[in-house]
């Protein structure tokens, strides 16, 4: 049986074998307080971009990502992305309770700092030694992916321009492939071993200066949210891509 979760901007559907993100049909969009439909900015482009990113990664890297099943518009013109279902816990949730109850367990109640430590060490090693080197081997001379540029969420929230134009590399410069939001919430772990099993949510992936990929995987939730308030850092990031 399918599990459907309707968010503000998009619909998530889980089946026994797949995970689907989709836009709302125009007539089904949620309303804001003013009674106007809420529009998911660049919704179709985001899903298409993620599908293209996943296929590129599957072809040229060994990074564990969901396999694309289908990506496109249905008979109503609604864009969707369906990928194989990957189960696990997010890295940010690893320490909410002890994940290793076999004797002796780290703790029997409450949060588990030891599981948090183990997960952090494994995530840091996996991303920095396995994922980043492979991403940085993928190179291009124009920002974005297939002509579409969608900067990281911290930039998108700060600068609400309607179009981000692709930037051409200068002589001798190359852009590398970036996830765009490589935080702990987008890294799935095996709930028993706390090893990385998948990297998800590639909506904002593309080719950018390597400096744009901040080490968000090393940050806890509070530290991650602080990146949205770092206006000086965000302005520097904007300079990188414009």
Protein backbone atom coordinates (compact mmCIF):
# COMPACT_ATOMS: atom_id res chain seq x y z
CA UNK A 1 0.00 0.00 0.00
CA UNK A 2 1.23 3.48 -0.86
CA UNK A 3 1.97 6.08 1.80
CA UNK A 4 1.21 9.64 0.68
CA UNK A 5 2.49 12.75 2.43
CA UNK A 6 1.25 16.07 1.09
CA UNK A 7 3.66 18.91 1.85
CA UNK A 8 3.29 22.61 1.23
CA UNK A 9 5.02 22.51 -2.13
CA UNK A 10 5.08 18.89 -3.27
CA UNK A 11 3.69 15.42 -2.71
CA UNK A 12 5.76 12.48 -1.46
CA UNK A 13 4.59 8.93 -2.18
CA UNK A 14 6.20 5.78 -0.85
CA UNK A 15 5.41 2.38 -2.30
CA UNK A 16 6.95 -0.94 -1.34
CA UNK A 17 9.67 -0.43 -3.98
CA UNK A 18 9.80 3.25 -4.90
CA UNK A 19 9.76 6.82 -3.67
CA UNK A 20 7.99 9.51 -5.73
CA UNK A 21 8.21 13.28 -5.57
CA UNK A 22 5.63 15.19 -7.58
CA UNK A 23 4.20 18.63 -8.11
CA UNK A 24 0.63 19.46 -7.30
CA UNK A 25 -1.75 19.77 -10.22
CA UNK A 26 -2.65 23.42 -10.69
CA UNK A 27 -6.18 22.89 -9.37
CA UNK A 28 -4.93 20.99 -6.30
CA UNK A 29 -2.34 23.39 -4.92
CA UNK A 30 -2.62 24.28 -1.22
CA UNK A 31 -3.71 27.83 -0.44
CA UNK A 32 -1.86 30.43 1.62
CA UNK A 33 -3.51 32.63 4.25
CA UNK A 34 -4.54 35.08 1.58
CA UNK A 35 -6.43 32.36 -0.26
CA UNK A 36 -3.93 32.20 -3.12
CA UNK A 37 -2.37 28.96 -4.39
CA UNK A 38 1.13 28.18 -3.14
CA UNK A 39 3.47 27.71 -6.08
CA UNK A 40 6.60 25.58 -5.83
CA UNK A 41 9.18 27.78 -7.52
CA UNK A 42 10.92 25.89 -10.34
CA UNK A 43 9.11 22.72 -9.23
CA UNK A 44 9.25 20.90 -12.55
CA UNK A 45 12.81 22.05 -13.18
CA UNK A 46 13.93 20.81 -9.75
CA UNK A 47 12.58 17.32 -10.34
CA UNK A 48 14.03 17.14 -13.83
CA UNK A 49 17.36 18.39 -12.49
CA UNK A 50 17.43 15.74 -9.76
CA UNK A 51 16.61 13.01 -12.24
CA UNK A 52 19.42 14.16 -14.54
CA UNK A 53 21.85 14.38 -11.61
CA UNK A 54 21.04 10.86 -10.41
CA UNK A 55 21.51 9.41 -13.88
CA UNK A 56 24.83 11.21 -14.30
CA UNK A 57 26.05 9.93 -10.93
CA UNK A 58 24.93 6.38 -11.68
CA UNK A 59 26.81 6.44 -14.98
CA UNK A 60 30.07 8.04 -13.91
CA UNK A 61 30.49 7.33 -10.18
CA UNK A 62 30.06 4.60 -7.58
CA UNK A 63 28.31 6.95 -5.14
CA UNK A 64 25.26 5.18 -3.68
CA UNK A 65 22.22 7.06 -4.96
CA UNK A 66 18.65 5.95 -5.77
CA UNK A 67 18.10 4.53 -9.25
CA UNK A 68 15.76 6.59 -11.42
CA UNK A 69 12.64 4.68 -12.44
CA UNK A 70 10.88 7.48 -14.30
CA UNK A 71 11.00 11.25 -14.57
CA UNK A 72 8.54 13.33 -16.57
CA UNK A 73 5.04 14.72 -16.81
CA UNK A 74 1.88 12.65 -16.50
CA UNK A 75 -1.28 13.00 -18.58
CA UNK A 76 -2.26 16.07 -16.50
CA UNK A 77 1.06 17.78 -17.16
CA UNK A 78 2.22 17.20 -13.58
CA UNK A 79 5.95 16.59 -13.19
CA UNK A 80 7.15 13.68 -11.08
CA UNK A 81 10.35 11.87 -10.22
CA UNK A 82 10.16 8.21 -9.21
CA UNK A 83 13.24 6.50 -7.81
CA UNK A 84 13.89 3.18 -6.14
CA UNK A 85 13.10 3.21 -2.45
CA UNK A 86 16.09 3.36 -0.12
CA UNK A 87 15.39 2.73 3.54
CA UNK A 88 17.52 4.01 6.38
CA UNK A 89 17.75 6.71 9.00
CA UNK A 90 19.10 10.18 8.36
CA UNK A 91 22.53 10.86 9.79
CA UNK A 92 21.11 13.69 11.89
CA UNK A 93 18.78 11.21 13.64
CA UNK A 94 21.47 8.67 14.53
CA UNK A 95 21.86 9.77 18.14
CA UNK A 96 18.20 10.17 19.05
CA UNK A 97 18.39 6.81 20.82
CA UNK A 98 20.81 3.91 20.96
CA UNK A 99 20.97 2.16 17.59
CA UNK A 100 23.01 -0.78 18.90
CA UNK A 101 20.90 -2.54 21.52
CA UNK A 102 22.98 -5.73 21.51
CA UNK A 103 25.02 -6.25 24.68
CA UNK A 104 26.21 -4.03 25.97
CA UNK A 105 24.02 -1.19 24.68
CA UNK A 106 25.37 2.35 24.96
CA UNK A 107 22.32 3.57 26.83
CA UNK A 108 18.83 2.29 27.53
CA UNK A 109 16.98 5.61 27.62
CA UNK A 110 17.15 8.98 25.91
CA UNK A 111 19.65 10.15 23.33
CA UNK A 112 22.86 8.28 22.66
CA UNK A 113 26.04 10.38 22.33
CA UNK A 114 28.05 7.28 21.42
CA UNK A 115 25.83 6.48 18.42
CA UNK A 116 26.04 10.13 17.44
CA UNK A 117 29.84 9.95 17.58
CA UNK A 118 30.03 6.72 15.58
CA UNK A 119 27.65 8.04 12.92
CA UNK A 120 29.54 11.32 12.62
CA UNK A 121 32.87 9.58 12.18
CA UNK A 122 31.50 7.22 9.55
CA UNK A 123 29.72 10.01 7.67
CA UNK A 124 32.78 12.26 7.68
CA UNK A 125 35.01 9.49 6.40
CA UNK A 126 32.58 8.30 3.74
CA UNK A 127 31.78 11.75 2.35
CA UNK A 128 35.33 13.08 2.44
CA UNK A 129 37.14 9.96 1.25
CA UNK A 130 34.55 8.37 -1.03
CA UNK A 131 31.99 10.91 -2.22
CA UNK A 132 33.86 14.20 -2.62
CA UNK A 133 36.78 12.78 -4.67
CA UNK A 134 34.31 11.24 -7.12
CA UNK A 135 32.22 14.40 -7.39
CA UNK A 136 35.29 16.52 -8.02
CA UNK A 137 36.34 14.32 -10.94
CA UNK A 138 33.16 15.36 -12.76
CA UNK A 139 33.92 18.68 -14.43
CA UNK A 140 32.32 21.22 -16.74
CA UNK A 141 32.96 24.73 -18.05
CA UNK A 142 29.47 26.08 -17.26
CA UNK A 143 27.56 26.23 -13.99
CA UNK A 144 24.35 24.31 -13.36
CA UNK A 145 23.23 21.18 -15.14
CA UNK A 146 21.85 21.06 -18.68
CA UNK A 147 21.42 24.84 -18.65
CA UNK A 148 19.51 24.97 -15.34
CA UNK A 149 21.08 26.71 -12.35
CA UNK A 150 19.59 26.29 -8.88
CA UNK A 151 21.96 27.41 -6.10
CA UNK A 152 22.07 25.87 -2.60
CA UNK A 153 19.04 26.51 -0.35
CA UNK A 154 20.86 29.09 1.78
CA UNK A 155 21.42 31.22 -1.34
CA UNK A 156 17.95 30.64 -2.74
CA UNK A 157 16.38 31.84 0.51
CA UNK A 158 18.57 34.94 0.63
CA UNK A 159 18.31 35.93 -3.05
CA UNK A 160 14.90 35.32 -4.66
CA UNK A 161 15.78 36.26 -8.23
CA UNK A 162 13.65 34.57 -10.88
CA UNK A 163 16.50 33.25 -13.01
CA UNK A 164 20.07 32.25 -12.29
CA UNK A 165 22.03 32.46 -15.49
CA UNK A 166 24.73 29.84 -16.17
CA UNK A 167 28.24 31.17 -15.68
CA UNK A 168 31.03 30.33 -18.11
CA UNK A 169 34.37 29.28 -16.70
CA UNK A 170 37.32 31.58 -17.24
CA UNK A 171 40.43 30.36 -19.02
CA UNK A 172 41.96 27.46 -17.12
CA UNK A 173 38.98 27.17 -14.77
CA UNK A 174 36.67 24.17 -14.40
CA UNK A 175 33.59 23.66 -12.27
CA UNK A 176 33.04 20.44 -10.31
CA UNK A 177 29.85 18.57 -9.55
CA UNK A 178 28.24 19.59 -6.27
CA UNK A 179 25.28 18.21 -4.31
CA UNK A 180 24.25 21.68 -3.14
CA UNK A 181 22.85 20.63 0.25
CA UNK A 182 25.06 17.81 1.48
CA UNK A 183 23.81 17.94 5.05
CA UNK A 184 23.20 15.10 7.50
CA UNK A 185 19.49 15.15 6.65
CA UNK A 186 20.35 14.00 3.12
CA UNK A 187 22.62 11.14 4.11
CA UNK A 188 20.94 7.81 4.92
CA UNK A 189 22.51 5.30 7.28
CA UNK A 190 21.89 1.66 8.07
CA UNK A 191 20.04 1.87 11.41
CA UNK A 192 22.06 -1.02 12.89
CA UNK A 193 25.60 -0.41 11.67
CA UNK A 194 25.33 3.38 11.15
CA UNK A 195 27.20 3.03 7.87
CA UNK A 196 26.22 5.23 4.94
CA UNK A 197 23.83 3.49 2.54
CA UNK A 198 22.67 6.33 0.29
CA UNK A 199 22.97 10.04 -0.49
CA UNK A 200 19.62 11.57 -1.46
CA UNK A 201 17.90 14.85 -2.47
CA UNK A 202 19.96 16.00 -5.44
CA UNK A 203 17.42 18.65 -6.58
CA UNK A 204 19.97 21.45 -6.43
CA UNK A 205 22.94 19.57 -7.80
CA UNK A 206 25.06 20.89 -10.62
CA UNK A 207 28.51 22.06 -11.65
CA UNK A 208 29.87 24.90 -9.51
CA UNK A 209 33.12 26.18 -8.00
CA UNK A 210 34.34 23.58 -5.52
CA UNK A 211 34.19 26.16 -2.70
CA UNK A 212 30.39 26.25 -2.98
CA UNK A 213 30.11 22.75 -1.49
CA UNK A 214 30.41 23.61 2.19
CA UNK A 215 31.12 20.68 4.59
CA UNK A 216 27.54 20.67 5.86
CA UNK A 217 27.78 16.98 6.76
CA UNK A 218 30.00 17.98 9.70
CA UNK A 219 27.35 20.27 11.20
CA UNK A 220 24.59 19.47 13.66
CA UNK A 221 21.12 20.90 13.09
CA UNK A 222 21.76 24.20 14.89
CA UNK A 223 25.07 24.73 13.12
CA UNK A 224 23.45 23.93 9.78
CA UNK A 225 20.64 26.44 10.33
CA UNK A 226 23.23 29.07 11.22
CA UNK A 227 24.53 28.87 7.63
CA UNK A 228 21.23 30.44 6.55
CA UNK A 229 21.96 33.44 8.78
CA UNK A 230 25.55 33.91 7.64
CA UNK A 231 24.83 36.78 5.25
CA UNK A 232 28.49 37.59 4.58
CA UNK A 233 29.18 33.97 3.68
CA UNK A 234 26.11 33.80 1.46
CA UNK A 235 27.12 36.96 -0.39
CA UNK A 236 30.55 35.42 -1.02
CA UNK A 237 28.88 32.28 -2.36
CA UNK A 238 26.74 34.38 -4.72
CA UNK A 239 29.92 35.98 -6.11
CA UNK A 240 31.21 32.49 -6.90
CA UNK A 241 28.27 31.70 -9.20
CA UNK A 242 27.52 35.07 -10.82
